[in-house]
Protein backbone atom coordinates (compact mmCIF):
# COMPACT_ATOMS: atom_id res chain seq x y z
CA UNK A 1 -108.27 -11.24 1.35
CA UNK A 2 -106.88 -8.71 3.74
CA UNK A 3 -109.08 -6.20 5.57
CA UNK A 4 -109.44 -2.53 4.61
CA UNK A 5 -106.11 -0.62 5.14
CA UNK A 6 -106.86 2.90 6.18
CA UNK A 7 -104.38 5.34 4.61
CA UNK A 8 -103.66 8.89 5.48
CA UNK A 9 -106.29 11.20 4.06
CA UNK A 10 -103.51 13.54 3.18
CA UNK A 11 -102.23 10.98 0.54
CA UNK A 12 -105.69 11.14 -1.08
CA UNK A 13 -106.34 14.86 -0.67
CA UNK A 14 -106.12 17.34 -3.44
CA UNK A 15 -107.76 20.42 -1.85
CA UNK A 16 -109.72 22.63 -4.29
CA UNK A 17 -109.71 26.38 -3.96
CA UNK A 18 -113.36 26.12 -2.90
CA UNK A 19 -112.32 23.83 -0.05
CA UNK A 20 -109.59 26.08 1.01
CA UNK A 21 -112.09 28.87 1.23
CA UNK A 22 -114.41 26.61 3.24
CA UNK A 23 -111.72 26.03 5.90
CA UNK A 24 -111.47 29.83 6.22
CA UNK A 25 -115.17 30.09 6.68
CA UNK A 26 -115.04 27.41 9.27
CA UNK A 27 -112.48 29.25 11.25
CA UNK A 28 -114.78 32.30 11.16
CA UNK A 29 -117.75 30.16 12.14
CA UNK A 30 -115.93 28.92 15.28
CA UNK A 31 -114.67 32.36 16.12
CA UNK A 32 -118.00 34.22 15.72
CA UNK A 33 -120.50 31.50 16.73
CA UNK A 34 -119.48 30.61 20.21
CA UNK A 35 -123.02 29.97 21.47
CA UNK A 36 -125.79 27.87 20.01
CA UNK A 37 -127.64 31.18 19.27
CA UNK A 38 -124.79 32.74 17.41
CA UNK A 39 -124.05 29.55 15.49
CA UNK A 40 -127.67 29.24 14.32
CA UNK A 41 -127.83 32.97 13.47
CA UNK A 42 -124.88 32.48 11.13
CA UNK A 43 -126.26 29.29 9.52
CA UNK A 44 -129.67 30.99 9.11
CA UNK A 45 -128.11 33.93 7.35
CA UNK A 46 -126.13 31.73 4.99
CA UNK A 47 -129.22 29.70 4.34
CA UNK A 48 -131.28 32.78 3.43
CA UNK A 49 -128.59 33.95 1.02
CA UNK A 50 -128.72 30.49 -0.60
CA UNK A 51 -132.44 30.75 -1.20
CA UNK A 52 -133.87 29.04 1.86
CA UNK A 53 -137.30 30.41 2.84
CA UNK A 54 -138.91 30.30 6.33
CA UNK A 55 -141.49 27.55 6.69
CA UNK A 56 -144.26 30.06 7.43
CA UNK A 57 -143.72 31.83 4.10
CA UNK A 58 -143.82 28.65 1.97
CA UNK A 59 -146.90 27.79 -0.04
CA UNK A 60 -145.81 24.41 -1.47
CA UNK A 61 -143.03 21.85 -1.49
CA UNK A 62 -142.16 21.13 -5.10
CA UNK A 63 -138.79 19.72 -6.24
CA UNK A 64 -136.05 22.16 -5.51
CA UNK A 65 -138.02 24.23 -3.00
CA UNK A 66 -135.74 25.31 -0.11
CA UNK A 67 -137.33 25.61 3.34
CA UNK A 68 -135.90 26.55 6.82
CA UNK A 69 -137.30 26.23 10.32
CA UNK A 70 -135.76 28.14 13.25
CA UNK A 71 -136.36 26.53 16.70
CA UNK A 72 -136.39 29.36 19.25
CA UNK A 73 -133.33 30.92 17.90
CA UNK A 74 -131.02 28.13 18.98
CA UNK A 75 -131.61 25.18 16.72
CA UNK A 76 -133.13 24.55 13.27
CA UNK A 77 -133.66 22.55 10.14
CA UNK A 78 -132.96 23.19 6.50
CA UNK A 79 -134.66 21.16 3.80
CA UNK A 80 -134.70 20.84 -0.05
CA UNK A 81 -137.59 19.11 -1.71
CA UNK A 82 -136.50 16.08 -3.78
CA UNK A 83 -137.85 14.69 -6.99
CA UNK A 84 -139.26 11.74 -5.21
CA UNK A 85 -142.36 12.26 -2.78
CA UNK A 86 -141.20 12.79 0.77
CA UNK A 87 -143.46 9.88 1.85
CA UNK A 88 -140.92 7.55 0.13
CA UNK A 89 -138.34 8.85 2.66
CA UNK A 90 -135.63 11.50 2.90
CA UNK A 91 -131.99 11.95 3.58
CA UNK A 92 -130.86 13.61 6.83
CA UNK A 93 -127.72 14.82 8.42
CA UNK A 94 -128.18 15.93 12.04
CA UNK A 95 -125.67 17.61 14.25
CA UNK A 96 -125.77 19.74 17.47
CA UNK A 97 -124.78 23.34 18.07
CA UNK A 98 -124.30 23.46 21.83
CA UNK A 99 -120.98 22.95 23.46
CA UNK A 100 -119.64 22.49 27.00
CA UNK A 101 -119.34 25.87 28.82
CA UNK A 102 -120.12 27.73 31.95
CA UNK A 103 -123.58 29.37 32.33
CA UNK A 104 -124.16 32.39 34.43
CA UNK A 105 -126.61 31.63 37.27
CA UNK A 106 -129.88 33.47 37.65
CA UNK A 107 -128.70 35.34 40.84
CA UNK A 108 -125.09 35.59 39.86
CA UNK A 109 -123.63 38.87 41.09
CA UNK A 110 -121.96 39.18 44.50
CA UNK A 111 -119.15 40.86 46.29
CA UNK A 112 -116.58 39.35 48.58
CA UNK A 113 -113.84 41.30 50.27
CA UNK A 114 -113.78 44.02 47.57
CA UNK A 115 -113.95 41.76 44.59
CA UNK A 116 -117.08 41.25 42.42
CA UNK A 117 -117.92 37.96 40.81
CA UNK A 118 -120.56 36.18 38.81
CA UNK A 119 -121.58 32.64 40.02
CA UNK A 120 -121.63 30.07 37.28
CA UNK A 121 -123.01 26.64 36.62
CA UNK A 122 -121.07 24.35 34.26
CA UNK A 123 -122.92 22.96 31.28
CA UNK A 124 -122.11 19.60 29.87
CA UNK A 125 -119.04 17.43 30.56
CA UNK A 126 -115.99 19.60 31.38
CA UNK A 127 -112.82 19.24 33.34
CA UNK A 128 -113.27 22.11 35.75
CA UNK A 129 -109.51 22.84 36.29
CA UNK A 130 -109.21 23.65 32.57
CA UNK A 131 -111.38 26.71 32.98
CA UNK A 132 -109.33 28.57 35.52
CA UNK A 133 -106.56 31.17 34.94
CA UNK A 134 -107.29 31.59 31.27
CA UNK A 135 -108.90 34.30 29.11
CA UNK A 136 -112.62 34.02 29.04
CA UNK A 137 -115.45 35.95 27.28
CA UNK A 138 -119.12 36.38 28.04
CA UNK A 139 -121.70 35.83 25.22
CA UNK A 140 -125.46 35.74 25.29
CA UNK A 141 -128.67 37.58 25.71
CA UNK A 142 -130.68 39.25 28.40
CA UNK A 143 -134.42 39.52 27.98
CA UNK A 144 -135.79 42.52 29.75
CA UNK A 145 -139.17 42.67 31.54
CA UNK A 146 -140.78 44.26 28.43
CA UNK A 147 -139.36 41.54 26.14
CA UNK A 148 -136.56 43.65 24.65
CA UNK A 149 -133.53 41.49 23.74
CA UNK A 150 -130.09 42.72 24.81
CA UNK A 151 -127.19 40.97 23.12
CA UNK A 152 -123.92 40.86 24.95
CA UNK A 153 -120.39 39.98 23.81
CA UNK A 154 -117.50 40.94 26.10
CA UNK A 155 -113.98 39.78 25.90
CA UNK A 156 -113.45 39.22 22.20
CA UNK A 157 -112.37 42.55 20.63
CA UNK A 158 -108.87 43.68 21.30
CA UNK A 159 -109.97 46.75 23.05
CA UNK A 160 -112.24 44.94 25.41
CA UNK A 161 -111.31 43.35 28.76
CA UNK A 162 -111.28 39.64 29.11
CA UNK A 163 -112.80 37.90 32.11
CA UNK A 164 -111.13 35.00 34.09
CA UNK A 165 -111.57 32.48 36.96
CA UNK A 166 -108.80 32.63 39.46
CA UNK A 167 -106.73 29.54 40.54
CA UNK A 168 -104.62 28.82 43.61
CA UNK A 169 -100.88 29.59 43.58
CA UNK A 170 -98.75 26.50 43.74
CA UNK A 171 -97.04 27.87 46.88
CA UNK A 172 -100.17 27.30 48.86
CA UNK A 173 -101.65 24.30 46.94
CA UNK A 174 -100.40 21.44 49.21
CA UNK A 175 -103.92 20.41 50.10
CA UNK A 176 -105.18 20.92 46.45
CA UNK A 177 -102.43 18.68 45.11
CA UNK A 178 -103.64 15.87 47.36
CA UNK A 179 -107.11 15.78 46.03
CA UNK A 180 -108.36 13.87 43.00
CA UNK A 181 -108.24 15.79 39.77
CA UNK A 182 -112.04 16.09 39.63
CA UNK A 183 -112.19 17.47 43.20
CA UNK A 184 -109.35 20.00 43.03
CA UNK A 185 -111.69 22.64 41.53
CA UNK A 186 -115.24 22.64 42.60
CA UNK A 187 -118.28 23.64 40.58
CA UNK A 188 -119.10 26.25 43.10
CA UNK A 189 -115.51 27.54 42.90
CA UNK A 190 -115.86 28.58 39.19
CA UNK A 191 -116.63 32.16 39.96
CA UNK A 192 -116.04 34.77 37.21
CA UNK A 193 -113.96 37.72 38.34
CA UNK A 194 -115.56 41.01 37.31
CA UNK A 195 -113.85 43.90 38.99
CA UNK A 196 -112.83 45.75 42.16
CA UNK A 197 -113.08 49.46 41.45
CA UNK A 198 -115.75 50.61 44.02
CA UNK A 199 -118.58 53.06 43.39
CA UNK A 200 -118.07 56.57 44.80
CA UNK A 201 -121.34 56.15 46.71
CA UNK A 202 -121.40 55.41 50.34
CA UNK A 203 -122.67 52.10 51.73
CA UNK A 204 -121.89 48.45 51.56
CA UNK A 205 -120.93 46.33 48.48
CA UNK A 206 -119.67 49.27 46.58
CA UNK A 207 -117.81 47.16 44.03
CA UNK A 208 -121.02 45.26 43.20
CA UNK A 209 -122.80 48.64 43.03
CA UNK A 210 -120.23 49.92 40.50
CA UNK A 211 -120.74 46.72 38.35
CA UNK A 212 -124.47 47.31 38.40
CA UNK A 213 -124.01 50.98 37.27
CA UNK A 214 -121.68 49.75 34.47
CA UNK A 215 -124.31 47.23 33.27
CA UNK A 216 -127.04 49.73 33.40
CA UNK A 217 -125.09 52.43 31.57
CA UNK A 218 -123.85 50.12 28.78
CA UNK A 219 -126.66 47.58 28.39
CA UNK A 220 -129.74 48.95 30.26
CA UNK A 221 -129.71 45.91 32.57
CA UNK A 222 -130.92 45.73 36.12
CA UNK A 223 -129.88 43.13 38.62
CA UNK A 224 -133.28 41.44 38.41
CA UNK A 225 -132.94 41.05 34.60
CA UNK A 226 -130.46 38.12 35.07
CA UNK A 227 -133.44 35.98 35.97
CA UNK A 228 -134.38 36.04 32.18
CA UNK A 229 -130.84 35.97 30.85
CA UNK A 230 -128.92 33.28 28.92
CA UNK A 231 -125.28 34.26 29.37
CA UNK A 232 -122.45 31.87 28.62
CA UNK A 233 -118.81 31.96 29.56
CA UNK A 234 -116.64 30.66 26.78
CA UNK A 235 -112.98 30.95 25.84
CA UNK A 236 -111.87 34.26 24.51
CA UNK A 237 -110.06 34.55 21.29
CA UNK A 238 -110.36 33.36 17.62
CA UNK A 239 -109.98 29.83 16.26
CA UNK A 240 -106.81 29.38 14.24
CA UNK A 241 -104.55 26.88 12.49
CA UNK A 242 -102.41 24.77 14.76
CA UNK A 243 -99.15 22.86 14.16
CA UNK A 244 -96.06 24.08 12.40
CA UNK A 245 -97.48 22.73 9.15
CA UNK A 246 -100.99 24.26 9.69
CA UNK A 247 -102.51 20.77 9.44
CA UNK A 248 -104.75 21.21 12.56
CA UNK A 249 -107.51 23.54 13.56
CA UNK A 250 -107.56 24.76 17.19
CA UNK A 251 -110.90 26.38 18.43
CA UNK A 252 -113.56 26.26 20.99
CA UNK A 253 -116.75 24.15 20.45
CA UNK A 254 -115.56 21.94 17.60
CA UNK A 255 -117.71 19.29 19.33
CA UNK A 256 -120.01 19.56 17.48
CA UNK A 257 -119.78 22.76 15.34
CA UNK A 258 -117.37 20.99 13.09
CA UNK A 259 -120.07 18.53 11.99
CA UNK A 260 -122.63 21.40 11.85
CA UNK A 261 -120.47 23.42 9.51
CA UNK A 262 -119.70 20.35 7.35
CA UNK A 263 -123.48 19.50 7.17
CA UNK A 264 -124.11 23.09 5.97
CA UNK A 265 -121.48 22.92 3.35
CA UNK A 266 -122.92 19.60 2.20
CA UNK A 267 -126.31 21.07 1.48
CA UNK A 268 -125.29 24.51 0.38
CA UNK A 269 -125.05 24.05 -3.36
CA UNK A 270 -127.66 21.27 -3.72
CA UNK A 271 -130.50 22.46 -6.01
CA UNK A 272 -132.79 19.59 -6.93
CA UNK A 273 -131.89 16.34 -5.22
CA UNK A 274 -133.36 12.85 -5.92
CA UNK A 275 -134.51 12.55 -2.29
CA UNK A 276 -135.75 15.34 -0.13
CA UNK A 277 -132.62 16.42 1.80
CA UNK A 278 -132.45 17.80 5.27
CA UNK A 279 -129.72 19.01 7.60
CA UNK A 280 -130.69 19.59 11.30
CA UNK A 281 -128.95 21.57 13.96
CA UNK A 282 -130.02 20.52 17.51
CA UNK A 283 -129.40 22.14 20.93
CA UNK A 284 -128.93 20.53 24.32
CA UNK A 285 -127.10 17.44 23.17
CA UNK A 286 -124.41 17.90 25.83
CA UNK A 287 -126.98 17.62 28.62
CA UNK A 288 -129.09 14.88 27.34
CA UNK A 289 -131.02 16.44 24.42
CA UNK A 290 -133.91 17.54 26.72
CA UNK A 291 -135.97 20.85 26.63
CA UNK A 292 -137.86 22.22 23.68
CA UNK A 293 -134.76 22.86 21.65
CA UNK A 294 -133.23 19.44 22.17
CA UNK A 295 -133.60 16.46 19.89
CA UNK A 296 -136.22 14.98 22.14
CA UNK A 297 -138.55 17.84 21.47
CA UNK A 298 -139.90 16.39 18.13
CA UNK A 299 -139.49 19.33 15.97
CA UNK A 300 -138.11 17.08 13.23
CA UNK A 301 -141.40 15.11 13.39
CA UNK A 302 -143.49 18.27 13.26
CA UNK A 303 -141.35 19.68 10.46
CA UNK A 304 -141.76 16.48 8.36
CA UNK A 305 -145.59 16.78 8.99
CA UNK A 306 -145.50 20.34 7.65
CA UNK A 307 -143.58 19.31 4.54
CA UNK A 308 -145.88 16.31 3.88
CA UNK A 309 -148.97 18.68 4.17
CA UNK A 310 -147.36 21.28 1.85
CA UNK A 311 -146.59 18.57 -0.72
CA UNK A 312 -149.94 16.86 -0.61
CA UNK A 313 -152.18 19.91 0.30
CA UNK A 314 -153.66 17.86 3.20
CA UNK A 315 -152.35 16.36 6.38
CA UNK A 316 -151.84 12.66 6.28
CA UNK A 317 -150.53 11.09 9.44
CA UNK A 318 -149.72 7.72 7.75
CA UNK A 319 -147.53 9.51 5.16
CA UNK A 320 -145.70 11.37 7.92
CA UNK A 321 -144.90 8.07 9.73
CA UNK A 322 -143.84 6.49 6.37
CA UNK A 323 -141.53 9.35 5.58
CA UNK A 324 -139.82 9.18 8.95
CA UNK A 325 -139.60 5.32 8.85
CA UNK A 326 -138.11 5.30 5.33
CA UNK A 327 -135.54 8.02 6.03
CA UNK A 328 -131.80 7.33 6.06
CA UNK A 329 -129.65 9.58 8.35
CA UNK A 330 -126.16 10.36 9.60
CA UNK A 331 -125.89 11.31 13.28
CA UNK A 332 -123.13 13.96 12.78
CA UNK A 333 -120.98 13.96 15.83
CA UNK A 334 -117.30 13.74 16.68
CA UNK A 335 -115.42 10.99 18.40
CA UNK A 336 -112.15 10.74 20.37
CA UNK A 337 -109.09 11.02 18.19
CA UNK A 338 -106.25 8.63 19.10
CA UNK A 339 -103.72 10.42 21.36
CA UNK A 340 -100.38 8.63 21.91
CA UNK A 341 -100.07 10.55 25.15
CA UNK A 342 -103.18 8.76 26.54
CA UNK A 343 -102.92 5.42 24.70
CA UNK A 344 -103.84 3.41 27.75
CA UNK A 345 -107.67 4.39 27.45
CA UNK A 346 -107.92 3.53 23.80
CA UNK A 347 -108.47 0.24 21.87
CA UNK A 348 -105.89 0.92 19.13
CA UNK A 349 -107.52 -1.50 16.71
CA UNK A 350 -110.83 0.36 17.02
CA UNK A 351 -109.79 4.00 17.34
CA UNK A 352 -110.10 7.05 15.28
CA UNK A 353 -106.83 8.36 13.95
CA UNK A 354 -106.13 11.92 13.10
CA UNK A 355 -105.74 12.50 9.38
CA UNK A 356 -107.26 9.27 8.24
CA UNK A 357 -110.56 10.64 7.20
CA UNK A 358 -114.19 10.70 8.30
CA UNK A 359 -115.16 8.13 11.07
CA UNK A 360 -118.19 5.93 11.19
CA UNK A 361 -119.30 4.43 14.52
CA UNK A 362 -121.69 1.58 14.49
CA UNK A 363 -122.64 2.26 18.11
CA UNK A 364 -121.67 4.75 20.77
CA UNK A 365 -122.91 4.61 24.43
CA UNK A 366 -121.17 3.56 27.60
CA UNK A 367 -119.85 0.17 28.63
CA UNK A 368 -122.53 -2.28 27.50
CA UNK A 369 -123.67 0.12 24.73
CA UNK A 370 -125.94 1.95 27.16
CA UNK A 371 -127.79 4.97 25.63
CA UNK A 372 -126.76 3.92 22.15
CA UNK A 373 -128.20 3.54 18.70
CA UNK A 374 -126.68 0.43 17.14
CA UNK A 375 -126.70 0.76 13.40
CA UNK A 376 -127.87 -2.02 11.13
CA UNK A 377 -125.04 -3.63 9.16
CA UNK A 378 -127.05 -3.35 5.93
CA UNK A 379 -127.08 0.46 6.34
CA UNK A 380 -123.44 0.50 7.15
CA UNK A 381 -122.66 -1.40 3.98
CA UNK A 382 -124.65 1.18 1.99
CA UNK A 383 -122.89 4.07 3.51
CA UNK A 384 -119.39 2.51 2.95
CA UNK A 385 -120.36 2.00 -0.66
CA UNK A 386 -121.35 5.68 -1.06
CA UNK A 387 -118.00 6.72 0.49
CA UNK A 388 -115.89 4.38 -1.56
CA UNK A 389 -117.56 5.37 -4.83
CA UNK A 390 -116.98 9.10 -3.90
CA UNK A 391 -113.31 8.23 -3.15
CA UNK A 392 -113.54 9.46 0.39
CA UNK A 393 -111.12 8.43 3.18
CA UNK A 394 -113.02 6.80 5.95
CA UNK A 395 -112.34 4.67 9.06
CA UNK A 396 -114.24 3.01 11.81
CA UNK A 397 -113.94 3.64 15.60
CA UNK A 398 -115.29 3.28 19.09
CA UNK A 399 -115.09 5.81 21.81
CA UNK A 400 -112.19 4.27 23.97
CA UNK A 401 -111.84 1.01 25.62
CA UNK A 402 -115.13 -0.83 26.53
CA UNK A 403 -115.00 -0.37 30.36
CA UNK A 404 -113.21 3.01 30.30
CA UNK A 405 -116.30 5.25 29.86
CA UNK A 406 -118.04 6.26 26.63
CA UNK A 407 -120.56 8.86 25.40
CA UNK A 408 -123.67 9.23 23.26
CA UNK A 409 -125.07 11.15 20.33
CA UNK A 410 -128.56 12.15 19.06
CA UNK A 411 -128.71 9.07 16.89
CA UNK A 412 -131.01 7.22 19.38
CA UNK A 413 -133.56 10.01 19.11
CA UNK A 414 -133.73 9.69 15.39
CA UNK A 415 -133.85 5.94 15.42
CA UNK A 416 -137.00 5.90 17.46
CA UNK A 417 -138.94 6.71 14.22
CA UNK A 418 -137.62 3.58 12.53
CA UNK A 419 -135.12 5.38 10.22
CA UNK A 420 -131.73 4.05 9.42
CA UNK A 421 -129.10 5.96 11.36
CA UNK A 422 -125.26 5.77 11.55
CA UNK A 423 -122.94 7.93 13.64
CA UNK A 424 -120.43 9.74 11.31
CA UNK A 425 -117.98 12.51 12.20
CA UNK A 426 -114.27 13.18 12.75
CA UNK A 427 -111.82 12.49 15.50
CA UNK A 428 -111.05 15.25 17.94
CA UNK A 429 -108.05 15.75 20.28
CA UNK A 430 -108.66 17.47 23.65
CA UNK A 431 -112.36 16.93 23.23
CA UNK A 432 -114.49 19.09 25.63
CA UNK A 433 -111.52 21.21 26.56
CA UNK A 434 -111.67 24.91 26.05
CA UNK A 435 -109.66 24.54 22.94
CA UNK A 436 -110.17 21.35 20.85
CA UNK A 437 -108.11 20.04 17.88
CA UNK A 438 -109.31 18.79 14.53
CA UNK A 439 -107.48 17.84 11.41
CA UNK A 440 -107.77 19.83 8.25
CA UNK A 441 -107.73 16.77 6.12
CA UNK A 442 -110.44 15.10 8.05
CA UNK A 443 -112.76 18.19 7.93
CA UNK A 444 -112.44 18.30 4.14
CA UNK A 445 -113.22 14.57 3.91
CA UNK A 446 -116.18 15.00 6.18
CA UNK A 447 -117.66 17.72 4.05
CA UNK A 448 -117.26 15.53 0.92
CA UNK A 449 -118.64 12.53 2.75
CA UNK A 450 -121.87 14.36 3.95
CA UNK A 451 -122.43 15.85 0.36
CA UNK A 452 -121.99 12.42 -1.24
CA UNK A 453 -124.51 10.89 1.25
CA UNK A 454 -127.14 13.61 0.58
CA UNK A 455 -127.00 13.45 -3.35
CA UNK A 456 -126.53 9.67 -3.69
CA UNK A 457 -129.20 8.08 -5.93
CA UNK A 458 -130.01 4.54 -4.83
């Protein structure tokens, strides 16, 4: 018998009007949610409208009860109580909201020869040269000394100025051309250009002073307030369709907001599932899942403890452990789409092809599967059965050739509880670039796949 032949998802795809609307919502999600805070804020608002109630306000956890947990405004979990007790296990889809970017340093503002700049520190795996000579925007929050939160977005509206990082003209780039690609632009060279109109006051650094006056007048910010700020430099502009046939989506942060959005759509209309159903949106995946908003922070474990206590009217640590160990989860993250322009780094027999549906990855990691969760074949068989029964186009993949590099997901931080976990997402072109490319057909198939996984009755 021949092995599974992966067809084009387009051949299987009859898109409903609801799914067409969902793609429009996804474009808006990418355009308006360019930071993890903004993304969670949108998801939390949608959840509230769908009947999810904050954990602190919930008095019980009976079948159909919808509960939400916000994790410091940058991550969160949504849950719907199932018919079965949560101690028997639950269904989970977990994605991450953070994306590669540039962060503003805590002492960022300086002036050099009449030009004012912000110092930045890149976040996650980026190609530094991709961030120069392009329109950039500034998103984030500044927390004032009294705790007041100042929200900042500059560079998105048509009437607003964009920001940028300068690059060297080719006429003088002889030495730059001779450097390795990773060395041509340095981290300390990624300085955001702010202005050069000096203050009318006498003294030194008059351009810096003018910028400080502007920030004070518009936002009430002093220079010292940057110490307690979280400001992110992201590409300016809206996500949009790409390709003459509009078959692609181009936008910033699709790793991993494409999976986050699909996870939300999967749970949005579930009312009373067989199994307690969760979707989780993590932060800090791009830098190792550390800090108290990353997946290592154990808020999933704490949330399950809360739900077990609500359901049983008493805390039972054994039930919490059983619930976690009996859970079944998809680690919702993207993988590299096969790009014929860079075929030399891919194993074509084990690649994710654009437009061939959702992708399952038995393992991720680097080289010898380092930093990977290696899924059990019994669980893979169960998931493939779910997808086949739901008539979902799916494929398998690894992240490039064995010795070429690799990457990880949050699967390993879920697997530590003993639950079954499988990586599942879509292929992306230009991953980690300021503008990433996904396939419309793949996104639709992923939404269907996640929903089928959450509602499947085994």
